[in-house]
Amino acid sequence: PPMLVTFVVILAIDRGFSLRRELTRGVRLHHVLAILLTFLLLGGAVAFAVSEIMPRQFLDMVRNRPHVWQRVMLLYPLLSVLPQEIAYRTFFFHRYGPLFAGHRWVLILINGLLFGFGHVMFGNWVAVAGTMVTGMLFAYRYHATRSLWAVWLERTLWGWLVFTVGLGGYFFTGIAFQGDISLPWINK
């Protein structure tokens, strides 16, 4: 992660930024409750949609590769979520947030679009579209809380959901995705 190191160095030498403050800023209970409610409603809808649209892939990793799934559940929050949230939320909002003063929805939209664009390397529209939408959610949450840990929690939950319900093949090159998504309204 040379880019992450670059972002952290830029933040560290910026006199207007405190890494200590960023890392020690907690999460308020009402934000945790909002994160959990949002996740239960939207995450439940995603899980239901995957079970209906992609029944063969639903819970595939849990059933067929439980050891891989366990490692992903353990390592994803530390090796993927934390560094990316420092880059996409902490760095982006500190460095570019002032350019959008008074236009928070533009800031949130642009951050979500960039987050989605960062996932084009997976070569599928599901990863790009999914991360654009959730990227806007994470950007909104960071803007509302200014808490790296609030966004880390929310993103961890969504990542765990993705790898659990059967969408992991779209987001993780270490997992061979078996089959293609069948969407009746697209594959007519």
N, C-alpha and C. Protein backbone atom coordinates (compact mmCIF):
# COMPACT_ATOMS: atom_id res chain seq x y z
N PRO A 1 0.80 -1.22 0.00
CA PRO A 1 0.00 0.00 0.00
C PRO A 1 0.83 1.28 0.00
N PRO A 2 1.60 1.50 -1.07
CA PRO A 2 2.39 2.73 -1.11
C PRO A 2 1.51 3.98 -1.07
N MET A 3 0.33 3.92 -1.68
CA MET A 3 -0.56 5.09 -1.67
C MET A 3 -1.02 5.40 -0.25
N LEU A 4 -1.33 4.37 0.52
CA LEU A 4 -1.75 4.59 1.91
C LEU A 4 -0.64 5.26 2.69
N VAL A 5 0.58 4.78 2.52
CA VAL A 5 1.72 5.39 3.21
C VAL A 5 1.84 6.85 2.80
N THR A 6 1.67 7.13 1.51
CA THR A 6 1.72 8.51 1.03
C THR A 6 0.65 9.35 1.69
N PHE A 7 -0.59 8.85 1.74
CA PHE A 7 -1.68 9.60 2.37
C PHE A 7 -1.40 9.86 3.84
N VAL A 8 -0.92 8.84 4.56
CA VAL A 8 -0.62 9.01 5.99
C VAL A 8 0.50 10.01 6.19
N VAL A 9 1.52 9.97 5.34
CA VAL A 9 2.62 10.94 5.45
C VAL A 9 2.10 12.36 5.20
N ILE A 10 1.30 12.53 4.18
CA ILE A 10 0.73 13.86 3.89
C ILE A 10 -0.08 14.35 5.07
N LEU A 11 -0.90 13.47 5.64
CA LEU A 11 -1.69 13.86 6.81
C LEU A 11 -0.80 14.17 8.01
N ALA A 12 0.24 13.36 8.20
CA ALA A 12 1.13 13.53 9.36
C ALA A 12 1.87 14.86 9.32
N ILE A 13 2.24 15.33 8.13
CA ILE A 13 2.98 16.60 8.06
C ILE A 13 2.05 17.81 7.96
N ASP A 14 0.75 17.55 7.82
CA ASP A 14 -0.23 18.63 7.76
C ASP A 14 -0.52 19.12 9.17
N ARG A 15 -0.16 20.37 9.45
CA ARG A 15 -0.35 20.93 10.80
C ARG A 15 -1.81 21.06 11.19
N GLY A 16 -2.69 21.04 10.22
CA GLY A 16 -4.12 21.15 10.51
C GLY A 16 -4.80 19.82 10.78
N PHE A 17 -4.02 18.76 10.79
CA PHE A 17 -4.59 17.43 10.99
C PHE A 17 -3.92 16.75 12.16
N SER A 18 -4.70 16.05 12.96
CA SER A 18 -4.16 15.29 14.09
C SER A 18 -4.52 13.82 13.92
N LEU A 19 -3.52 13.01 13.61
CA LEU A 19 -3.75 11.57 13.47
C LEU A 19 -4.22 10.99 14.80
N ARG A 20 -3.66 11.48 15.88
CA ARG A 20 -4.07 11.01 17.21
C ARG A 20 -5.56 11.27 17.43
N ARG A 21 -6.00 12.48 17.10
CA ARG A 21 -7.41 12.83 17.26
C ARG A 21 -8.28 11.95 16.36
N GLU A 22 -7.83 11.72 15.14
CA GLU A 22 -8.58 10.88 14.20
C GLU A 22 -8.73 9.45 14.72
N LEU A 23 -7.66 8.92 15.28
CA LEU A 23 -7.68 7.53 15.73
C LEU A 23 -8.35 7.35 17.09
N THR A 24 -8.45 8.42 17.87
CA THR A 24 -9.05 8.29 19.20
C THR A 24 -10.49 8.81 19.26
N ARG A 25 -10.96 9.40 18.17
CA ARG A 25 -12.35 9.87 18.14
C ARG A 25 -13.26 8.66 18.13
N GLY A 26 -14.11 8.57 19.12
CA GLY A 26 -14.97 7.41 19.27
C GLY A 26 -16.22 7.48 18.41
N VAL A 27 -17.14 6.58 18.72
CA VAL A 27 -18.41 6.50 18.03
C VAL A 27 -19.51 6.66 19.07
N ARG A 28 -20.42 7.57 18.84
CA ARG A 28 -21.52 7.78 19.78
C ARG A 28 -22.57 6.69 19.62
N LEU A 29 -23.25 6.42 20.70
CA LEU A 29 -24.24 5.35 20.72
C LEU A 29 -25.31 5.56 19.66
N HIS A 30 -25.80 6.78 19.49
CA HIS A 30 -26.86 7.01 18.50
C HIS A 30 -26.35 6.79 17.07
N HIS A 31 -25.05 7.00 16.85
CA HIS A 31 -24.49 6.68 15.53
C HIS A 31 -24.41 5.17 15.33
N VAL A 32 -24.02 4.43 16.36
CA VAL A 32 -23.98 2.97 16.27
C VAL A 32 -25.37 2.43 15.98
N LEU A 33 -26.37 2.97 16.67
CA LEU A 33 -27.74 2.52 16.45
C LEU A 33 -28.19 2.84 15.02
N ALA A 34 -27.83 4.00 14.52
CA ALA A 34 -28.18 4.36 13.13
C ALA A 34 -27.49 3.43 12.14
N ILE A 35 -26.24 3.11 12.40
CA ILE A 35 -25.49 2.18 11.54
C ILE A 35 -26.17 0.81 11.54
N LEU A 36 -26.50 0.33 12.72
CA LEU A 36 -27.12 -0.99 12.82
C LEU A 36 -28.50 -1.03 12.17
N LEU A 37 -29.29 0.01 12.36
CA LEU A 37 -30.63 0.05 11.75
C LEU A 37 -30.52 0.09 10.23
N THR A 38 -29.64 0.95 9.72
CA THR A 38 -29.42 1.04 8.27
C THR A 38 -28.97 -0.31 7.72
N PHE A 39 -28.04 -0.93 8.42
CA PHE A 39 -27.52 -2.22 7.96
C PHE A 39 -28.60 -3.30 8.00
N LEU A 40 -29.38 -3.34 9.06
CA LEU A 40 -30.43 -4.35 9.14
C LEU A 40 -31.45 -4.21 8.01
N LEU A 41 -31.84 -2.98 7.73
CA LEU A 41 -32.83 -2.76 6.68
C LEU A 41 -32.25 -2.99 5.29
N LEU A 42 -31.19 -2.26 4.95
CA LEU A 42 -30.62 -2.37 3.61
C LEU A 42 -29.86 -3.68 3.41
N GLY A 43 -29.12 -4.08 4.42
CA GLY A 43 -28.38 -5.34 4.32
C GLY A 43 -29.32 -6.53 4.21
N GLY A 44 -30.42 -6.46 4.95
CA GLY A 44 -31.43 -7.52 4.83
C GLY A 44 -32.01 -7.58 3.43
N ALA A 45 -32.24 -6.41 2.84
CA ALA A 45 -32.76 -6.36 1.46
C ALA A 45 -31.75 -6.95 0.49
N VAL A 46 -30.47 -6.64 0.67
CA VAL A 46 -29.42 -7.20 -0.20
C VAL A 46 -29.35 -8.71 -0.05
N ALA A 47 -29.38 -9.20 1.19
CA ALA A 47 -29.32 -10.64 1.42
C ALA A 47 -30.52 -11.34 0.77
N PHE A 48 -31.69 -10.76 0.92
CA PHE A 48 -32.89 -11.35 0.31
C PHE A 48 -32.76 -11.35 -1.21
N ALA A 49 -32.30 -10.23 -1.78
CA ALA A 49 -32.16 -10.14 -3.24
C ALA A 49 -31.18 -11.18 -3.76
N VAL A 50 -30.05 -11.35 -3.08
CA VAL A 50 -29.08 -12.35 -3.53
C VAL A 50 -29.68 -13.74 -3.44
N SER A 51 -30.40 -14.02 -2.37
CA SER A 51 -31.00 -15.36 -2.22
C SER A 51 -32.02 -15.64 -3.32
N GLU A 52 -32.69 -14.61 -3.81
CA GLU A 52 -33.70 -14.78 -4.85
C GLU A 52 -33.11 -14.77 -6.26
N ILE A 53 -32.17 -13.86 -6.50
CA ILE A 53 -31.62 -13.68 -7.85
C ILE A 53 -30.49 -14.67 -8.13
N MET A 54 -29.73 -15.00 -7.12
CA MET A 54 -28.56 -15.87 -7.29
C MET A 54 -28.60 -17.01 -6.28
N PRO A 55 -29.60 -17.84 -6.30
CA PRO A 55 -29.73 -18.86 -5.24
C PRO A 55 -28.54 -19.82 -5.15
N ARG A 56 -27.90 -20.12 -6.27
CA ARG A 56 -26.73 -21.03 -6.21
C ARG A 56 -25.54 -20.38 -5.53
N GLN A 57 -25.40 -19.07 -5.64
CA GLN A 57 -24.27 -18.38 -5.02
C GLN A 57 -24.55 -18.01 -3.57
N PHE A 58 -25.81 -18.00 -3.18
CA PHE A 58 -26.17 -17.57 -1.84
C PHE A 58 -25.48 -18.47 -0.80
N LEU A 59 -24.72 -17.84 0.08
CA LEU A 59 -23.96 -18.50 1.15
C LEU A 59 -22.90 -19.47 0.63
N ASP A 60 -22.49 -19.31 -0.61
CA ASP A 60 -21.53 -20.22 -1.24
C ASP A 60 -20.23 -20.35 -0.45
N MET A 61 -19.62 -19.24 -0.09
CA MET A 61 -18.34 -19.31 0.61
C MET A 61 -18.49 -19.93 1.99
N VAL A 62 -19.57 -19.60 2.67
CA VAL A 62 -19.80 -20.15 4.00
C VAL A 62 -19.95 -21.67 3.92
N ARG A 63 -20.68 -22.14 2.94
CA ARG A 63 -20.94 -23.58 2.79
C ARG A 63 -19.75 -24.34 2.21
N ASN A 64 -19.13 -23.79 1.17
CA ASN A 64 -18.14 -24.55 0.42
C ASN A 64 -16.68 -24.22 0.75
N ARG A 65 -16.45 -23.07 1.32
CA ARG A 65 -15.07 -22.68 1.68
C ARG A 65 -15.06 -21.99 3.04
N PRO A 66 -15.50 -22.69 4.08
CA PRO A 66 -15.63 -22.04 5.39
C PRO A 66 -14.32 -21.50 5.94
N HIS A 67 -13.20 -22.16 5.64
CA HIS A 67 -11.92 -21.67 6.16
C HIS A 67 -11.52 -20.35 5.48
N VAL A 68 -11.80 -20.25 4.19
CA VAL A 68 -11.54 -18.99 3.48
C VAL A 68 -12.46 -17.91 4.04
N TRP A 69 -13.73 -18.24 4.21
CA TRP A 69 -14.69 -17.29 4.75
C TRP A 69 -14.25 -16.80 6.13
N GLN A 70 -13.80 -17.69 6.99
CA GLN A 70 -13.35 -17.29 8.33
C GLN A 70 -12.15 -16.34 8.26
N ARG A 71 -11.22 -16.63 7.37
CA ARG A 71 -10.06 -15.74 7.23
C ARG A 71 -10.46 -14.37 6.71
N VAL A 72 -11.38 -14.36 5.75
CA VAL A 72 -11.88 -13.08 5.22
C VAL A 72 -12.56 -12.29 6.34
N MET A 73 -13.39 -12.95 7.13
CA MET A 73 -14.09 -12.27 8.22
C MET A 73 -13.10 -11.66 9.21
N LEU A 74 -12.02 -12.34 9.44
CA LEU A 74 -11.01 -11.86 10.40
C LEU A 74 -10.12 -10.78 9.80
N LEU A 75 -9.64 -10.99 8.58
CA LEU A 75 -8.63 -10.09 8.01
C LEU A 75 -9.20 -8.88 7.27
N TYR A 76 -10.38 -9.02 6.69
CA TYR A 76 -10.97 -7.93 5.91
C TYR A 76 -11.05 -6.60 6.67
N PRO A 77 -11.53 -6.59 7.92
CA PRO A 77 -11.62 -5.30 8.63
C PRO A 77 -10.26 -4.63 8.85
N LEU A 78 -9.23 -5.43 9.01
CA LEU A 78 -7.90 -4.87 9.30
C LEU A 78 -7.09 -4.55 8.05
N LEU A 79 -7.09 -5.45 7.09
CA LEU A 79 -6.23 -5.30 5.91
C LEU A 79 -6.88 -4.56 4.76
N SER A 80 -8.20 -4.48 4.74
CA SER A 80 -8.88 -3.80 3.64
C SER A 80 -9.62 -2.57 4.13
N VAL A 81 -10.51 -2.76 5.10
CA VAL A 81 -11.36 -1.64 5.53
C VAL A 81 -10.55 -0.50 6.12
N LEU A 82 -9.72 -0.79 7.09
CA LEU A 82 -9.01 0.29 7.79
C LEU A 82 -8.14 1.12 6.85
N PRO A 83 -7.27 0.50 6.04
CA PRO A 83 -6.45 1.34 5.15
C PRO A 83 -7.28 2.11 4.12
N GLN A 84 -8.32 1.48 3.58
CA GLN A 84 -9.13 2.17 2.57
C GLN A 84 -9.93 3.30 3.19
N GLU A 85 -10.42 3.13 4.41
CA GLU A 85 -11.17 4.21 5.04
C GLU A 85 -10.28 5.38 5.40
N ILE A 86 -9.04 5.10 5.77
CA ILE A 86 -8.09 6.20 6.00
C ILE A 86 -7.90 6.98 4.70
N ALA A 87 -7.77 6.26 3.59
CA ALA A 87 -7.56 6.93 2.30
C ALA A 87 -8.82 7.61 1.79
N TYR A 88 -9.91 6.86 1.71
CA TYR A 88 -11.12 7.39 1.07
C TYR A 88 -11.89 8.36 1.94
N ARG A 89 -11.90 8.19 3.22
CA ARG A 89 -12.67 9.11 4.06
C ARG A 89 -11.76 10.10 4.78
N THR A 90 -10.85 9.62 5.63
CA THR A 90 -10.03 10.54 6.41
C THR A 90 -9.24 11.48 5.50
N PHE A 91 -8.45 10.91 4.60
CA PHE A 91 -7.62 11.75 3.73
C PHE A 91 -8.49 12.62 2.83
N PHE A 92 -9.43 12.01 2.14
CA PHE A 92 -10.25 12.76 1.18
C PHE A 92 -10.99 13.90 1.85
N PHE A 93 -11.66 13.63 2.97
CA PHE A 93 -12.44 14.68 3.62
C PHE A 93 -11.56 15.77 4.21
N HIS A 94 -10.42 15.40 4.75
CA HIS A 94 -9.53 16.43 5.30
C HIS A 94 -8.92 17.27 4.18
N ARG A 95 -8.45 16.59 3.16
CA ARG A 95 -7.73 17.28 2.09
C ARG A 95 -8.66 18.04 1.14
N TYR A 96 -9.79 17.44 0.76
CA TYR A 96 -10.64 18.03 -0.27
C TYR A 96 -11.98 18.54 0.24
N GLY A 97 -12.35 18.18 1.45
CA GLY A 97 -13.61 18.64 2.02
C GLY A 97 -13.80 20.15 1.98
N PRO A 98 -12.77 20.94 2.30
CA PRO A 98 -12.95 22.39 2.27
C PRO A 98 -13.32 22.95 0.89
N LEU A 99 -12.99 22.23 -0.17
CA LEU A 99 -13.37 22.69 -1.51
C LEU A 99 -14.88 22.66 -1.72
N PHE A 100 -15.56 21.86 -0.92
CA PHE A 100 -17.01 21.68 -1.09
C PHE A 100 -17.79 22.30 0.06
N ALA A 101 -17.22 23.28 0.73
CA ALA A 101 -17.89 23.92 1.86
C ALA A 101 -19.30 24.36 1.45
N GLY A 102 -20.27 23.95 2.23
CA GLY A 102 -21.65 24.31 1.93
C GLY A 102 -22.31 23.42 0.90
N HIS A 103 -21.59 22.46 0.37
CA HIS A 103 -22.13 21.54 -0.65
C HIS A 103 -21.84 20.10 -0.23
N ARG A 104 -22.31 19.72 0.93
CA ARG A 104 -21.96 18.41 1.47
C ARG A 104 -22.42 17.26 0.58
N TRP A 105 -23.57 17.40 -0.09
CA TRP A 105 -24.05 16.31 -0.93
C TRP A 105 -23.19 16.12 -2.17
N VAL A 106 -22.60 17.19 -2.65
CA VAL A 106 -21.66 17.06 -3.77
C VAL A 106 -20.40 16.32 -3.30
N LEU A 107 -19.93 16.69 -2.13
CA LEU A 107 -18.76 16.02 -1.53
C LEU A 107 -19.04 14.53 -1.35
N ILE A 108 -20.21 14.20 -0.81
CA ILE A 108 -20.59 12.81 -0.58
C ILE A 108 -20.72 12.06 -1.91
N LEU A 109 -21.35 12.68 -2.88
CA LEU A 109 -21.51 12.06 -4.20
C LEU A 109 -20.16 11.79 -4.86
N ILE A 110 -19.29 12.78 -4.87
CA ILE A 110 -17.97 12.62 -5.49
C ILE A 110 -17.16 11.55 -4.78
N ASN A 111 -17.22 11.54 -3.44
CA ASN A 111 -16.48 10.53 -2.70
C ASN A 111 -17.00 9.13 -3.04
N GLY A 112 -18.31 8.97 -3.13
CA GLY A 112 -18.88 7.67 -3.50
C GLY A 112 -18.49 7.25 -4.90
N LEU A 113 -18.51 8.20 -5.84
CA LEU A 113 -18.11 7.89 -7.22
C LEU A 113 -16.65 7.46 -7.28
N LEU A 114 -15.80 8.15 -6.56
CA LEU A 114 -14.38 7.78 -6.54
C LEU A 114 -14.16 6.42 -5.90
N PHE A 115 -14.91 6.15 -4.84
CA PHE A 115 -14.81 4.85 -4.18
C PHE A 115 -15.22 3.74 -5.16
N GLY A 116 -16.29 3.97 -5.89
CA GLY A 116 -16.73 3.00 -6.90
C GLY A 116 -15.69 2.84 -7.99
N PHE A 117 -15.15 3.96 -8.46
CA PHE A 117 -14.13 3.91 -9.51
C PHE A 117 -12.90 3.13 -9.04
N GLY A 118 -12.59 3.22 -7.76
CA GLY A 118 -11.46 2.48 -7.20
C GLY A 118 -11.65 0.97 -7.27
N HIS A 119 -12.86 0.53 -7.58
CA HIS A 119 -13.14 -0.90 -7.66
C HIS A 119 -13.29 -1.40 -9.10
N VAL A 120 -12.95 -0.58 -10.10
CA VAL A 120 -13.02 -1.03 -11.49
C VAL A 120 -12.03 -2.16 -11.75
N MET A 121 -11.02 -2.28 -10.92
CA MET A 121 -10.02 -3.33 -11.10
C MET A 121 -10.62 -4.73 -11.02
N PHE A 122 -11.80 -4.86 -10.42
CA PHE A 122 -12.43 -6.16 -10.33
C PHE A 122 -13.14 -6.54 -11.62
N GLY A 123 -13.29 -5.59 -12.53
CA GLY A 123 -13.78 -5.87 -13.87
C GLY A 123 -15.24 -6.28 -13.97
N ASN A 124 -16.07 -5.79 -13.08
CA ASN A 124 -17.50 -6.11 -13.18
C ASN A 124 -18.32 -4.94 -12.65
N TRP A 125 -19.52 -4.83 -13.20
CA TRP A 125 -20.38 -3.71 -12.84
C TRP A 125 -20.94 -3.84 -11.43
N VAL A 126 -21.06 -5.04 -10.90
CA VAL A 126 -21.60 -5.23 -9.56
C VAL A 126 -20.67 -4.57 -8.53
N ALA A 127 -19.37 -4.81 -8.66
CA ALA A 127 -18.42 -4.22 -7.72
C ALA A 127 -18.42 -2.70 -7.82
N VAL A 128 -18.43 -2.18 -9.03
CA VAL A 128 -18.39 -0.73 -9.21
C VAL A 128 -19.68 -0.07 -8.71
N ALA A 129 -20.82 -0.57 -9.14
CA ALA A 129 -22.10 0.02 -8.73
C ALA A 129 -22.32 -0.14 -7.23
N GLY A 130 -22.03 -1.32 -6.72
CA GLY A 130 -22.23 -1.56 -5.29
C GLY A 130 -21.37 -0.67 -4.42
N THR A 131 -20.12 -0.47 -4.83
CA THR A 131 -19.24 0.38 -4.02
C THR A 131 -19.53 1.86 -4.23
N MET A 132 -20.09 2.23 -5.36
CA MET A 132 -20.51 3.63 -5.50
C MET A 132 -21.63 3.95 -4.51
N VAL A 133 -22.61 3.07 -4.46
CA VAL A 133 -23.75 3.30 -3.56
C VAL A 133 -23.31 3.25 -2.10
N THR A 134 -22.60 2.18 -1.73
CA THR A 134 -22.17 2.09 -0.33
C THR A 134 -21.11 3.15 -0.02
N GLY A 135 -20.33 3.53 -1.01
CA GLY A 135 -19.36 4.60 -0.81
C GLY A 135 -20.03 5.91 -0.43
N MET A 136 -21.18 6.17 -1.03
CA MET A 136 -21.94 7.37 -0.66
C MET A 136 -22.47 7.24 0.77
N LEU A 137 -22.90 6.04 1.14
CA LEU A 137 -23.35 5.81 2.51
C LEU A 137 -22.20 6.04 3.48
N PHE A 138 -21.02 5.51 3.18
CA PHE A 138 -19.86 5.67 4.06
C PHE A 138 -19.42 7.13 4.12
N ALA A 139 -19.48 7.80 2.99
CA ALA A 139 -19.12 9.23 2.96
C ALA A 139 -20.10 10.04 3.80
N TYR A 140 -21.39 9.73 3.67
CA TYR A 140 -22.40 10.40 4.50
C TYR A 140 -22.11 10.16 5.98
N ARG A 141 -21.81 8.91 6.31
CA ARG A 141 -21.57 8.57 7.72
C ARG A 141 -20.34 9.29 8.25
N TYR A 142 -19.28 9.35 7.45
CA TYR A 142 -18.07 10.04 7.91
C TYR A 142 -18.35 11.53 8.07
N HIS A 143 -19.06 12.10 7.12
CA HIS A 143 -19.38 13.52 7.20
C HIS A 143 -20.21 13.81 8.45
N ALA A 144 -21.15 12.92 8.75
CA ALA A 144 -22.04 13.12 9.90
C ALA A 144 -21.35 12.90 11.23
N THR A 145 -20.39 11.97 11.27
CA THR A 145 -19.78 11.60 12.55
C THR A 145 -18.35 12.09 12.74
N ARG A 146 -17.66 12.31 11.63
CA ARG A 146 -16.22 12.59 11.65
C ARG A 146 -15.45 11.53 12.42
N SER A 147 -15.97 10.32 12.36
CA SER A 147 -15.37 9.21 13.09
C SER A 147 -14.92 8.12 12.13
N LEU A 148 -13.63 7.91 12.06
CA LEU A 148 -13.08 6.80 11.28
C LEU A 148 -13.67 5.48 11.75
N TRP A 149 -13.86 5.34 13.05
CA TRP A 149 -14.32 4.08 13.61
C TRP A 149 -15.79 3.82 13.31
N ALA A 150 -16.59 4.86 13.19
CA ALA A 150 -17.99 4.68 12.79
C ALA A 150 -18.04 4.11 11.38
N VAL A 151 -17.25 4.69 10.48
CA VAL A 151 -17.23 4.22 9.10
C VAL A 151 -16.59 2.84 9.02
N TRP A 152 -15.56 2.62 9.81
CA TRP A 152 -14.92 1.30 9.84
C TRP A 152 -15.94 0.23 10.24
N LEU A 153 -16.73 0.51 11.27
CA LEU A 153 -17.75 -0.44 11.71
C LEU A 153 -18.78 -0.70 10.61
N GLU A 154 -19.29 0.37 10.01
CA GLU A 154 -20.31 0.21 8.97
C GLU A 154 -19.76 -0.54 7.76
N ARG A 155 -18.59 -0.17 7.34
CA ARG A 155 -17.99 -0.83 6.17
C ARG A 155 -17.65 -2.29 6.47
N THR A 156 -17.21 -2.57 7.67
CA THR A 156 -16.93 -3.96 8.06
C THR A 156 -18.20 -4.80 7.97
N LEU A 157 -19.30 -4.27 8.48
CA LEU A 157 -20.57 -5.01 8.42
C LEU A 157 -20.96 -5.30 6.98
N TRP A 158 -20.84 -4.29 6.11
CA TRP A 158 -21.20 -4.49 4.71
C TRP A 158 -20.27 -5.48 4.02
N GLY A 159 -19.00 -5.41 4.32
CA GLY A 159 -18.06 -6.36 3.74
C GLY A 159 -18.35 -7.78 4.19
N TRP A 160 -18.61 -7.93 5.47
CA TRP A 160 -18.96 -9.26 5.97
C TRP A 160 -20.21 -9.77 5.27
N LEU A 161 -21.17 -8.90 5.05
CA LEU A 161 -22.40 -9.30 4.36
C LEU A 161 -22.09 -9.76 2.93
N VAL A 162 -21.31 -8.97 2.22
CA VAL A 162 -20.97 -9.29 0.82
C VAL A 162 -20.33 -10.67 0.73
N PHE A 163 -19.37 -10.95 1.59
CA PHE A 163 -18.67 -12.23 1.51
C PHE A 163 -19.51 -13.37 2.05
N THR A 164 -20.46 -13.08 2.91
CA THR A 164 -21.31 -14.12 3.47
C THR A 164 -22.43 -14.52 2.52
N VAL A 165 -23.10 -13.55 1.92
CA VAL A 165 -24.29 -13.88 1.12
C VAL A 165 -23.97 -14.39 -0.29
N GLY A 166 -22.73 -14.30 -0.72
CA GLY A 166 -22.39 -14.86 -2.03
C GLY A 166 -21.93 -13.86 -3.07
N LEU A 167 -21.69 -12.62 -2.67
CA LEU A 167 -21.21 -11.61 -3.61
C LEU A 167 -19.70 -11.45 -3.59
N GLY A 168 -19.03 -12.22 -2.76
CA GLY A 168 -17.58 -12.10 -2.60
C GLY A 168 -16.79 -12.26 -3.89
N GLY A 169 -17.28 -13.07 -4.79
CA GLY A 169 -16.58 -13.28 -6.06
C GLY A 169 -16.47 -12.02 -6.90
N TYR A 170 -17.35 -11.08 -6.66
CA TYR A 170 -17.29 -9.81 -7.38
C TYR A 170 -16.26 -8.85 -6.79
N PHE A 171 -15.85 -9.10 -5.55
CA PHE A 171 -15.00 -8.16 -4.83
C PHE A 171 -13.66 -8.71 -4.39
N PHE A 172 -13.41 -9.95 -4.62
CA PHE A 172 -12.21 -10.57 -4.09
C PHE A 172 -11.63 -11.49 -5.14
N THR A 173 -10.48 -11.11 -5.68
CA THR A 173 -9.89 -11.89 -6.76
C THR A 173 -9.39 -13.25 -6.30
N GLY A 174 -9.25 -13.44 -4.99
CA GLY A 174 -8.79 -14.73 -4.47
C GLY A 174 -9.87 -15.79 -4.46
N ILE A 175 -11.08 -15.42 -4.85
CA ILE A 175 -12.19 -16.37 -4.86
C ILE A 175 -12.68 -16.51 -6.29
N ALA A 176 -12.63 -17.71 -6.81
CA ALA A 176 -13.15 -17.93 -8.16
C ALA A 176 -14.67 -17.92 -8.09
N PHE A 177 -15.26 -17.01 -8.80
CA PHE A 177 -16.72 -16.92 -8.82
C PHE A 177 -17.26 -17.93 -9.80
N GLN A 178 -18.15 -18.77 -9.33
CA GLN A 178 -18.71 -19.82 -10.17
C GLN A 178 -20.07 -19.38 -10.66
N GLY A 179 -20.19 -19.23 -11.93
CA GLY A 179 -21.46 -18.84 -12.51
C GLY A 179 -21.53 -17.34 -12.74
N ASP A 180 -22.56 -16.95 -13.41
CA ASP A 180 -22.76 -15.54 -13.71
C ASP A 180 -24.08 -15.11 -13.11
N ILE A 181 -24.19 -13.85 -12.87
CA ILE A 181 -25.44 -13.35 -12.32
C ILE A 181 -26.50 -13.35 -13.41
N SER A 182 -27.66 -13.79 -13.07
CA SER A 182 -28.76 -13.83 -14.01
C SER A 182 -29.78 -12.78 -13.61
N LEU A 183 -29.87 -11.74 -14.37
CA LEU A 183 -30.81 -10.67 -14.08
C LEU A 183 -31.82 -10.61 -15.22
N PRO A 184 -33.06 -11.03 -14.96
CA PRO A 184 -34.06 -11.12 -16.03
C PRO A 184 -34.28 -9.81 -16.78
N TRP A 185 -34.18 -8.69 -16.09
CA TRP A 185 -34.44 -7.42 -16.74
C TRP A 185 -33.26 -6.95 -17.60
N ILE A 186 -32.11 -7.62 -17.49
CA ILE A 186 -30.95 -7.27 -18.32
C ILE A 186 -30.72 -8.34 -19.39
N ASN A 187 -30.89 -9.61 -19.03
CA ASN A 187 -30.58 -10.72 -19.92
C ASN A 187 -31.79 -11.16 -20.73
N LYS A 188 -32.56 -10.25 -21.28
CA LYS A 188 -33.75 -10.62 -22.06
C LYS A 188 -33.35 -10.99 -23.47
